[in-house]
PDB file of N, CA and C in Angstrom:
ATOM      1  N   MET A   1      99.077 123.084 106.561  1.00  0.00           N
ATOM      2  CA  MET A   1      98.886 122.404 105.695  1.00  0.00           C
ATOM      3  C   MET A   1      99.250 122.849 104.169  1.00  0.00           C
ATOM      4  N   ARG A   2      98.710 124.193 103.786  1.00  0.00           N
ATOM      5  CA  ARG A   2      98.974 124.491 102.548  1.00  0.00           C
ATOM      6  C   ARG A   2     100.406 124.598 102.182  1.00  0.00           C
ATOM      7  N   GLN A   3     101.175 125.227 103.348  1.00  0.00           N
ATOM      8  CA  GLN A   3     102.605 125.279 103.171  1.00  0.00           C
ATOM      9  C   GLN A   3     103.312 124.220 102.852  1.00  0.00           C
ATOM     10  N   LYS A   4     102.951 123.114 103.424  1.00  0.00           N
ATOM     11  CA  LYS A   4     103.649 121.916 103.469  1.00  0.00           C
ATOM     12  C   LYS A   4     103.331 121.294 102.089  1.00  0.00           C
ATOM     13  N   PHE A   5     102.066 121.533 101.515  1.00  0.00           N
ATOM     14  CA  PHE A   5     101.640 121.207 100.278  1.00  0.00           C
ATOM     15  C   PHE A   5     102.282 121.757  99.315  1.00  0.00           C
ATOM     16  N   LEU A   6     102.514 123.146  99.479  1.00  0.00           N
ATOM     17  CA  LEU A   6     103.656 123.932  98.497  1.00  0.00           C
ATOM     18  C   LEU A   6     104.846 123.594  98.374  1.00  0.00           C
ATOM     19  N   TRP A   7     105.408 123.403  99.558  1.00  0.00           N
ATOM     20  CA  TRP A   7     106.950 122.735  99.573  1.00  0.00           C
ATOM     21  C   TRP A   7     107.086 121.281  98.786  1.00  0.00           C
ATOM     22  N   LEU A   8     106.104 120.457  99.040  1.00  0.00           N
ATOM     23  CA  LEU A   8     106.224 119.292  98.422  1.00  0.00           C
ATOM     24  C   LEU A   8     105.807 119.435  97.013  1.00  0.00           C
ATOM     25  N   ALA A   9     105.126 120.225  96.508  1.00  0.00           N
ATOM     26  CA  ALA A   9     105.022 120.798  95.109  1.00  0.00           C
ATOM     27  C   ALA A   9     106.318 121.115  94.401  1.00  0.00           C
ATOM     28  N   VAL A  10     106.708 121.995  95.216  1.00  0.00           N
ATOM     29  CA  VAL A  10     108.195 122.524  94.751  1.00  0.00           C
ATOM     30  C   VAL A  10     109.304 121.593  94.372  1.00  0.00           C
ATOM     31  N   LEU A  11     109.259 120.492  95.678  1.00  0.00           N
ATOM     32  CA  LEU A  11     110.368 119.516  95.610  1.00  0.00           C
ATOM     33  C   LEU A  11     110.276 118.777  94.407  1.00  0.00           C
ATOM     34  N   CYS A  12     108.730 118.283  94.432  1.00  0.00           N
ATOM     35  CA  CYS A  12     108.457 117.285  93.142  1.00  0.00           C
ATOM     36  C   CYS A  12     108.950 118.110  91.650  1.00  0.00           C
ATOM     37  N   SER A  13     108.512 119.431  91.647  1.00  0.00           N
ATOM     38  CA  SER A  13     109.123 120.117  90.319  1.00  0.00           C
ATOM     39  C   SER A  13     110.533 120.200  90.234  1.00  0.00           C
ATOM     40  N   PHE A  14     111.171 120.305  91.224  1.00  0.00           N
ATOM     41  CA  PHE A  14     112.756 120.029  90.959  1.00  0.00           C
ATOM     42  C   PHE A  14     113.299 118.806  90.562  1.00  0.00           C
ATOM     43  N   LEU A  15     112.660 117.975  91.189  1.00  0.00           N
ATOM     44  CA  LEU A  15     113.422 116.331  91.051  1.00  0.00           C
ATOM     45  C   LEU A  15     112.810 116.174  89.660  1.00  0.00           C
ATOM     46  N   PHE A  16     111.529 116.339  89.215  1.00  0.00           N
ATOM     47  CA  PHE A  16     110.930 115.991  87.813  1.00  0.00           C
ATOM     48  C   PHE A  16     111.627 116.782  86.681  1.00  0.00           C
ATOM     49  N   THR A  17     111.989 118.216  86.914  1.00  0.00           N
ATOM     50  CA  THR A  17     112.667 118.683  85.675  1.00  0.00           C
ATOM     51  C   THR A  17     114.158 118.599  85.915  1.00  0.00           C
ATOM     52  N   SER A  18     114.796 118.153  86.818  1.00  0.00           N
ATOM     53  CA  SER A  18     115.979 117.809  86.621  1.00  0.00           C
ATOM     54  C   SER A  18     116.445 116.853  85.800  1.00  0.00           C
ATOM     55  N   CYS A  19     115.324 116.055  85.062  1.00  0.00           N
ATOM     56  CA  CYS A  19     115.691 114.849  84.315  1.00  0.00           C
ATOM     57  C   CYS A  19     115.370 115.244  83.214  1.00  0.00           C
ATOM     58  N   LEU A  20     115.145 116.581  82.793  1.00  0.00           N
ATOM     59  CA  LEU A  20     114.620 116.986  81.421  1.00  0.00           C
ATOM     60  C   LEU A  20     115.805 117.068  80.281  1.00  0.00           C
ATOM     61  N   PRO A  21     115.659 116.689  79.146  1.00  0.00           N
ATOM     62  CA  PRO A  21     117.041 116.442  78.370  1.00  0.00           C
ATOM     63  C   PRO A  21     117.290 118.215  77.694  1.00  0.00           C
ATOM     64  N   GLY A  22     118.241 118.462  77.481  1.00  0.00           N
ATOM     65  CA  GLY A  22     119.106 119.534  77.095  1.00  0.00           C
ATOM     66  C   GLY A  22     118.224 119.982  75.926  1.00  0.00           C
ATOM     67  N   GLY A  23     118.005 119.364  75.187  1.00  0.00           N
ATOM     68  CA  GLY A  23     117.455 119.818  73.760  1.00  0.00           C
ATOM     69  C   GLY A  23     116.133 120.358  73.732  1.00  0.00           C
ATOM     70  N   ASN A  24     115.263 120.510  74.784  1.00  0.00           N
ATOM     71  CA  ASN A  24     113.869 120.726  74.689  1.00  0.00           C
ATOM     72  C   ASN A  24     113.942 122.242  75.003  1.00  0.00           C
ATOM     73  N   GLN A  25     114.487 122.963  73.834  1.00  0.00           N
ATOM     74  CA  GLN A  25     114.511 124.551  73.779  1.00  0.00           C
ATOM     75  C   GLN A  25     113.054 124.980  73.292  1.00  0.00           C
ATOM     76  N   ALA A  26     112.413 125.973  74.029  1.00  0.00           N
ATOM     77  CA  ALA A  26     111.231 126.771  73.591  1.00  0.00           C
ATOM     78  C   ALA A  26     111.720 127.608  72.524  1.00  0.00           C
ATOM     79  N   SER A  27     110.478 128.056  71.589  1.00  0.00           N
ATOM     80  CA  SER A  27     110.757 129.032  70.668  1.00  0.00           C
ATOM     81  C   SER A  27     111.258 130.301  71.245  1.00  0.00           C
ATOM     82  N   LYS A  28     110.629 130.472  72.423  1.00  0.00           N
ATOM     83  CA  LYS A  28     111.005 131.764  73.322  1.00  0.00           C
ATOM     84  C   LYS A  28     112.349 131.981  73.770  1.00  0.00           C
ATOM     85  N   GLY A  29     113.154 131.014  73.856  1.00  0.00           N
ATOM     86  CA  GLY A  29     114.415 130.691  74.368  1.00  0.00           C
ATOM     87  C   GLY A  29     114.196 129.979  75.614  1.00  0.00           C
ATOM     88  N   GLY A  30     115.019 129.051  75.961  1.00  0.00           N
ATOM     89  CA  GLY A  30     114.828 128.305  77.159  1.00  0.00           C
ATOM     90  C   GLY A  30     114.001 126.975  77.354  1.00  0.00           C
ATOM     91  N   HIS A  31     113.529 126.416  78.151  1.00  0.00           N
ATOM     92  CA  HIS A  31     112.942 125.262  78.330  1.00  0.00           C
ATOM     93  C   HIS A  31     111.188 125.391  78.251  1.00  0.00           C
ATOM     94  N   THR A  32     110.811 124.568  78.094  1.00  0.00           N
ATOM     95  CA  THR A  32     109.452 124.418  78.319  1.00  0.00           C
ATOM     96  C   THR A  32     108.954 123.177  78.656  1.00  0.00           C
ATOM     97  N   ILE A  33     108.205 123.073  80.035  1.00  0.00           N
ATOM     98  CA  ILE A  33     107.971 122.284  80.521  1.00  0.00           C
ATOM     99  C   ILE A  33     106.525 121.942  80.535  1.00  0.00           C
ATOM    100  N   THR A  34     106.040 120.779  80.313  1.00  0.00           N
ATOM    101  CA  THR A  34     104.515 120.432  79.961  1.00  0.00           C
ATOM    102  C   THR A  34     104.109 119.904  81.413  1.00  0.00           C
ATOM    103  N   VAL A  35     103.194 120.390  81.868  1.00  0.00           N
ATOM    104  CA  VAL A  35     102.444 119.718  83.223  1.00  0.00           C
ATOM    105  C   VAL A  35     101.078 119.155  82.971  1.00  0.00           C
ATOM    106  N   TYR A  36     100.554 118.194  83.231  1.00  0.00           N
ATOM    107  CA  TYR A  36      99.248 117.890  83.580  1.00  0.00           C
ATOM    108  C   TYR A  36      98.992 117.881  84.973  1.00  0.00           C
ATOM    109  N   GLY A  37      97.880 118.351  85.719  1.00  0.00           N
ATOM    110  CA  GLY A  37      97.735 118.290  87.063  1.00  0.00           C
ATOM    111  C   GLY A  37      96.382 118.354  87.341  1.00  0.00           C
ATOM    112  N   PHE A  38      96.044 117.911  88.565  1.00  0.00           N
ATOM    113  CA  PHE A  38      94.608 117.886  88.906  1.00  0.00           C
ATOM    114  C   PHE A  38      94.201 119.665  89.411  1.00  0.00           C
ATOM    115  N   SER A  39      92.943 119.683  88.945  1.00  0.00           N
ATOM    116  CA  SER A  39      92.578 120.996  88.752  1.00  0.00           C
ATOM    117  C   SER A  39      92.592 121.866  90.297  1.00  0.00           C
ATOM    118  N   ILE A  40      92.511 121.143  91.071  1.00  0.00           N
ATOM    119  CA  ILE A  40      92.738 121.991  92.940  1.00  0.00           C
ATOM    120  C   ILE A  40      94.226 122.496  92.690  1.00  0.00           C
ATOM    121  N   MET A  41      95.179 121.960  91.958  1.00  0.00           N
ATOM    122  CA  MET A  41      96.529 122.677  92.041  1.00  0.00           C
ATOM    123  C   MET A  41      96.913 123.615  91.254  1.00  0.00           C
ATOM    124  N   LYS A  42      95.843 124.133  90.250  1.00  0.00           N
ATOM    125  CA  LYS A  42      96.042 125.039  89.544  1.00  0.00           C
ATOM    126  C   LYS A  42      96.616 126.502  90.011  1.00  0.00           C
ATOM    127  N   GLU A  43      95.977 126.688  90.965  1.00  0.00           N
ATOM    128  CA  GLU A  43      96.134 128.154  91.582  1.00  0.00           C
ATOM    129  C   GLU A  43      97.554 128.561  92.097  1.00  0.00           C
ATOM    130  N   SER A  44      98.079 127.036  92.730  1.00  0.00           N
ATOM    131  CA  SER A  44      99.131 127.216  93.700  1.00  0.00           C
ATOM    132  C   SER A  44     100.311 127.096  92.618  1.00  0.00           C
ATOM    133  N   LEU A  45     100.114 126.248  91.877  1.00  0.00           N
ATOM    134  CA  LEU A  45     101.153 126.179  90.706  1.00  0.00           C
ATOM    135  C   LEU A  45     101.629 127.421  89.976  1.00  0.00           C
ATOM    136  N   GLU A  46     100.385 128.036  89.081  1.00  0.00           N
ATOM    137  CA  GLU A  46     100.413 129.203  88.504  1.00  0.00           C
ATOM    138  C   GLU A  46     100.893 130.263  89.392  1.00  0.00           C
ATOM    139  N   LYS A  47     100.183 130.401  90.222  1.00  0.00           N
ATOM    140  CA  LYS A  47     100.697 131.724  91.152  1.00  0.00           C
ATOM    141  C   LYS A  47     101.947 131.758  91.852  1.00  0.00           C
ATOM    142  N   ASP A  48     102.536 130.585  92.488  1.00  0.00           N
ATOM    143  CA  ASP A  48     103.514 130.454  93.464  1.00  0.00           C
ATOM    144  C   ASP A  48     104.831 129.708  92.893  1.00  0.00           C
ATOM    145  N   ILE A  49     104.577 128.659  92.679  1.00  0.00           N
ATOM    146  CA  ILE A  49     105.328 127.407  92.083  1.00  0.00           C
ATOM    147  C   ILE A  49     106.110 127.950  90.697  1.00  0.00           C
ATOM    148  N   TYR A  50     105.392 128.148  89.838  1.00  0.00           N
ATOM    149  CA  TYR A  50     106.131 128.457  88.348  1.00  0.00           C
ATOM    150  C   TYR A  50     106.927 129.480  88.450  1.00  0.00           C
ATOM    151  N   PRO A  51     106.357 130.656  88.963  1.00  0.00           N
ATOM    152  CA  PRO A  51     107.246 132.087  89.234  1.00  0.00           C
ATOM    153  C   PRO A  51     108.446 131.546  89.785  1.00  0.00           C
ATOM    154  N   ALA A  52     108.576 131.053  91.086  1.00  0.00           N
ATOM    155  CA  ALA A  52     109.635 130.819  91.861  1.00  0.00           C
ATOM    156  C   ALA A  52     110.319 129.876  91.334  1.00  0.00           C
ATOM    157  N   PHE A  53     109.959 128.682  90.749  1.00  0.00           N
ATOM    158  CA  PHE A  53     110.693 127.871  89.932  1.00  0.00           C
ATOM    159  C   PHE A  53     111.386 128.417  88.857  1.00  0.00           C
ATOM    160  N   ALA A  54     110.965 129.275  87.841  1.00  0.00           N
ATOM    161  CA  ALA A  54     111.569 129.917  86.721  1.00  0.00           C
ATOM    162  C   ALA A  54     112.616 130.984  87.042  1.00  0.00           C
ATOM    163  N   ALA A  55     112.244 131.654  88.204  1.00  0.00           N
ATOM    164  CA  ALA A  55     113.273 132.688  88.717  1.00  0.00           C
ATOM    165  C   ALA A  55     114.615 131.578  89.247  1.00  0.00           C
ATOM    166  N   LYS A  56     114.513 131.043  89.982  1.00  0.00           N
ATOM    167  CA  LYS A  56     115.699 130.156  90.358  1.00  0.00           C
ATOM    168  C   LYS A  56     116.281 129.269  89.492  1.00  0.00           C
ATOM    169  N   TRP A  57     115.522 128.600  88.452  1.00  0.00           N
ATOM    170  CA  TRP A  57     116.354 128.004  87.132  1.00  0.00           C
ATOM    171  C   TRP A  57     116.960 129.369  86.533  1.00  0.00           C
ATOM    172  N   LYS A  58     116.408 130.516  86.231  1.00  0.00           N
ATOM    173  CA  LYS A  58     117.086 131.474  85.722  1.00  0.00           C
ATOM    174  C   LYS A  58     118.426 131.996  86.279  1.00  0.00           C
ATOM    175  N   ALA A  59     118.077 131.858  87.707  1.00  0.00           N
ATOM    176  CA  ALA A  59     119.547 132.447  88.238  1.00  0.00           C
ATOM    177  C   ALA A  59     120.398 131.787  88.408  1.00  0.00           C
ATOM    178  N   GLU A  60     120.408 130.232  88.244  1.00  0.00           N
ATOM    179  CA  GLU A  60     121.080 129.246  88.405  1.00  0.00           C
ATOM    180  C   GLU A  60     121.853 128.803  87.205  1.00  0.00           C
ATOM    181  N   HIS A  61     120.995 128.730  86.023  1.00  0.00           N
ATOM    182  CA  HIS A  61     121.216 128.406  84.737  1.00  0.00           C
ATOM    183  C   HIS A  61     121.211 129.331  83.546  1.00  0.00           C
ATOM    184  N   GLY A  62     120.892 130.507  83.909  1.00  0.00           N
ATOM    185  CA  GLY A  62     120.828 131.691  82.869  1.00  0.00           C
ATOM    186  C   GLY A  62     119.844 131.097  81.628  1.00  0.00           C
ATOM    187  N   GLU A  63     118.886 130.354  81.807  1.00  0.00           N
ATOM    188  CA  GLU A  63     118.025 130.227  80.968  1.00  0.00           C
ATOM    189  C   GLU A  63     116.534 130.398  81.293  1.00  0.00           C
ATOM    190  N   ASN A  64     115.701 130.528  80.246  1.00  0.00           N
ATOM    191  CA  ASN A  64     114.226 130.814  81.080  1.00  0.00           C
ATOM    192  C   ASN A  64     113.412 129.400  80.879  1.00  0.00           C
ATOM    193  N   VAL A  65     112.473 129.332  81.836  1.00  0.00           N
ATOM    194  CA  VAL A  65     111.761 128.058  81.746  1.00  0.00           C
ATOM    195  C   VAL A  65     110.249 128.770  81.469  1.00  0.00           C
ATOM    196  N   HIS A  66     109.375 128.120  80.514  1.00  0.00           N
ATOM    197  CA  HIS A  66     108.287 128.077  80.537  1.00  0.00           C
ATOM    198  C   HIS A  66     107.215 127.011  80.686  1.00  0.00           C
ATOM    199  N   PHE A  67     106.019 127.384  81.314  1.00  0.00           N
ATOM    200  CA  PHE A  67     105.369 126.188  81.654  1.00  0.00           C
ATOM    201  C   PHE A  67     104.025 126.186  80.658  1.00  0.00           C
ATOM    202  N   VAL A  68     103.516 125.070  80.222  1.00  0.00           N
ATOM    203  CA  VAL A  68     102.455 124.801  79.474  1.00  0.00           C
ATOM    204  C   VAL A  68     101.692 123.726  80.223  1.00  0.00           C
ATOM    205  N   SER A  69     100.560 123.953  80.929  1.00  0.00           N
ATOM    206  CA  SER A  69      99.581 123.400  81.858  1.00  0.00           C
ATOM    207  C   SER A  69      98.448 123.035  81.178  1.00  0.00           C
ATOM    208  N   SER A  70      97.934 121.590  81.829  1.00  0.00           N
ATOM    209  CA  SER A  70      96.482 121.429  81.544  1.00  0.00           C
ATOM    210  C   SER A  70      95.950 120.917  82.552  1.00  0.00           C
ATOM    211  N   PHE A  71      94.876 121.495  83.305  1.00  0.00           N
ATOM    212  CA  PHE A  71      94.400 120.928  84.740  1.00  0.00           C
ATOM    213  C   PHE A  71      93.078 120.495  84.459  1.00  0.00           C
ATOM    214  N   ALA A  72      92.697 119.861  84.938  1.00  0.00           N
ATOM    215  CA  ALA A  72      91.346 118.969  84.989  1.00  0.00           C
ATOM    216  C   ALA A  72      91.268 117.993  86.221  1.00  0.00           C
ATOM    217  N   GLY A  73      90.233 117.218  86.177  1.00  0.00           N
ATOM    218  CA  GLY A  73      89.587 116.328  87.423  1.00  0.00           C
ATOM    219  C   GLY A  73      90.534 115.295  87.225  1.00  0.00           C
ATOM    220  N   SER A  74      90.802 114.395  88.472  1.00  0.00           N
ATOM    221  CA  SER A  74      91.792 113.417  88.275  1.00  0.00           C
ATOM    222  C   SER A  74      91.610 112.148  87.200  1.00  0.00           C
ATOM    223  N   LYS A  75      90.204 111.838  86.964  1.00  0.00           N
ATOM    224  CA  LYS A  75      89.845 111.087  86.035  1.00  0.00           C
ATOM    225  C   LYS A  75      90.440 111.572  84.592  1.00  0.00           C
ATOM    226  N   THR A  76      89.907 112.832  84.036  1.00  0.00           N
ATOM    227  CA  THR A  76      90.392 113.374  83.286  1.00  0.00           C
ATOM    228  C   THR A  76      91.925 113.224  82.887  1.00  0.00           C
ATOM    229  N   VAL A  77      92.674 113.435  83.699  1.00  0.00           N
ATOM    230  CA  VAL A  77      94.298 113.554  83.715  1.00  0.00           C
ATOM    231  C   VAL A  77      94.790 112.245  83.657  1.00  0.00           C
ATOM    232  N   VAL A  78      94.395 111.522  84.604  1.00  0.00           N
ATOM    233  CA  VAL A  78      94.839 110.109  84.452  1.00  0.00           C
ATOM    234  C   VAL A  78      94.540 109.392  82.780  1.00  0.00           C
ATOM    235  N   ASN A  79      93.248 109.637  82.273  1.00  0.00           N
ATOM    236  CA  ASN A  79      93.113 109.347  81.001  1.00  0.00           C
ATOM    237  C   ASN A  79      93.783 109.868  79.980  1.00  0.00           C
ATOM    238  N   GLN A  80      94.069 111.031  79.980  1.00  0.00           N
ATOM    239  CA  GLN A  80      95.477 111.857  79.057  1.00  0.00           C
ATOM    240  C   GLN A  80      96.422 111.675  79.243  1.00  0.00           C
ATOM    241  N   ILE A  81      96.891 110.854  80.366  1.00  0.00           N
ATOM    242  CA  ILE A  81      98.410 110.437  80.342  1.00  0.00           C
ATOM    243  C   ILE A  81      98.336 109.001  79.724  1.00  0.00           C
ATOM    244  N   LEU A  82      97.367 108.195  80.256  1.00  0.00           N
ATOM    245  CA  LEU A  82      97.350 106.981  79.634  1.00  0.00           C
ATOM    246  C   LEU A  82      97.303 106.817  78.329  1.00  0.00           C
ATOM    247  N   GLN A  83      96.488 107.992  77.598  1.00  0.00           N
ATOM    248  CA  GLN A  83      96.425 107.931  75.978  1.00  0.00           C
ATOM    249  C   GLN A  83      97.722 108.528  75.353  1.00  0.00           C
ATOM    250  N   GLY A  84      98.592 108.912  76.225  1.00  0.00           N
ATOM    251  CA  GLY A  84      99.974 109.270  75.639  1.00  0.00           C
ATOM    252  C   GLY A  84     100.137 110.813  75.530  1.00  0.00           C
ATOM    253  N   ALA A  85      99.713 111.537  76.644  1.00  0.00           N
ATOM    254  CA  ALA A  85      99.941 113.154  76.454  1.00  0.00           C
ATOM    255  C   ALA A  85     101.029 113.240  76.736  1.00  0.00           C
ATOM    256  N   PRO A  86     101.611 114.135  76.076  1.00  0.00           N
ATOM    257  CA  PRO A  86     103.335 114.624  75.923  1.00  0.00           C
ATOM    258  C   PRO A  86     103.374 115.116  77.552  1.00  0.00           C
ATOM    259  N   ALA A  87     103.635 114.833  78.517  1.00  0.00           N
ATOM    260  CA  ALA A  87     103.840 115.510  79.685  1.00  0.00           C
ATOM    261  C   ALA A  87     105.368 115.292  80.310  1.00  0.00           C
ATOM    262  N   GLU A  88     105.835 116.235  80.721  1.00  0.00           N
ATOM    263  CA  GLU A  88     107.073 115.905  81.241  1.00  0.00           C
ATOM    264  C   GLU A  88     106.583 115.136  82.682  1.00  0.00           C
ATOM    265  N   PHE A  89     105.878 115.938  83.541  1.00  0.00           N
ATOM    266  CA  PHE A  89     105.492 115.206  84.729  1.00  0.00           C
ATOM    267  C   PHE A  89     103.813 115.680  85.077  1.00  0.00           C
ATOM    268  N   GLU A  90     103.431 114.797  85.975  1.00  0.00           N
ATOM    269  CA  GLU A  90     101.935 114.878  86.083  1.00  0.00           C
ATOM    270  C   GLU A  90     101.945 115.024  87.862  1.00  0.00           C
ATOM    271  N   PHE A  91     100.891 115.811  88.359  1.00  0.00           N
ATOM    272  CA  PHE A  91     100.391 115.790  89.527  1.00  0.00           C
ATOM    273  C   PHE A  91      99.022 114.956  89.628  1.00  0.00           C
TER     274      PHE A  91
END
């Protein structure tokens, strides 16, 4: 079950980040992706998915990817998004 969940999260990451504008350059060089997610996803994203995605992106595009994350309960995340939080995507 966890493996299916991780693959689904990776797939969503690739789909959503492929729509990022080219001008979103981080001060460290590369792209910064802002993610708002439910607290249960924090460990999987930060330990497995972010590093794997960043490595794949670097290998394919030669650019670094940096993640800025905010994790909370579902009600909090939904309220943040509805109030205009600047997220590229939300899980």
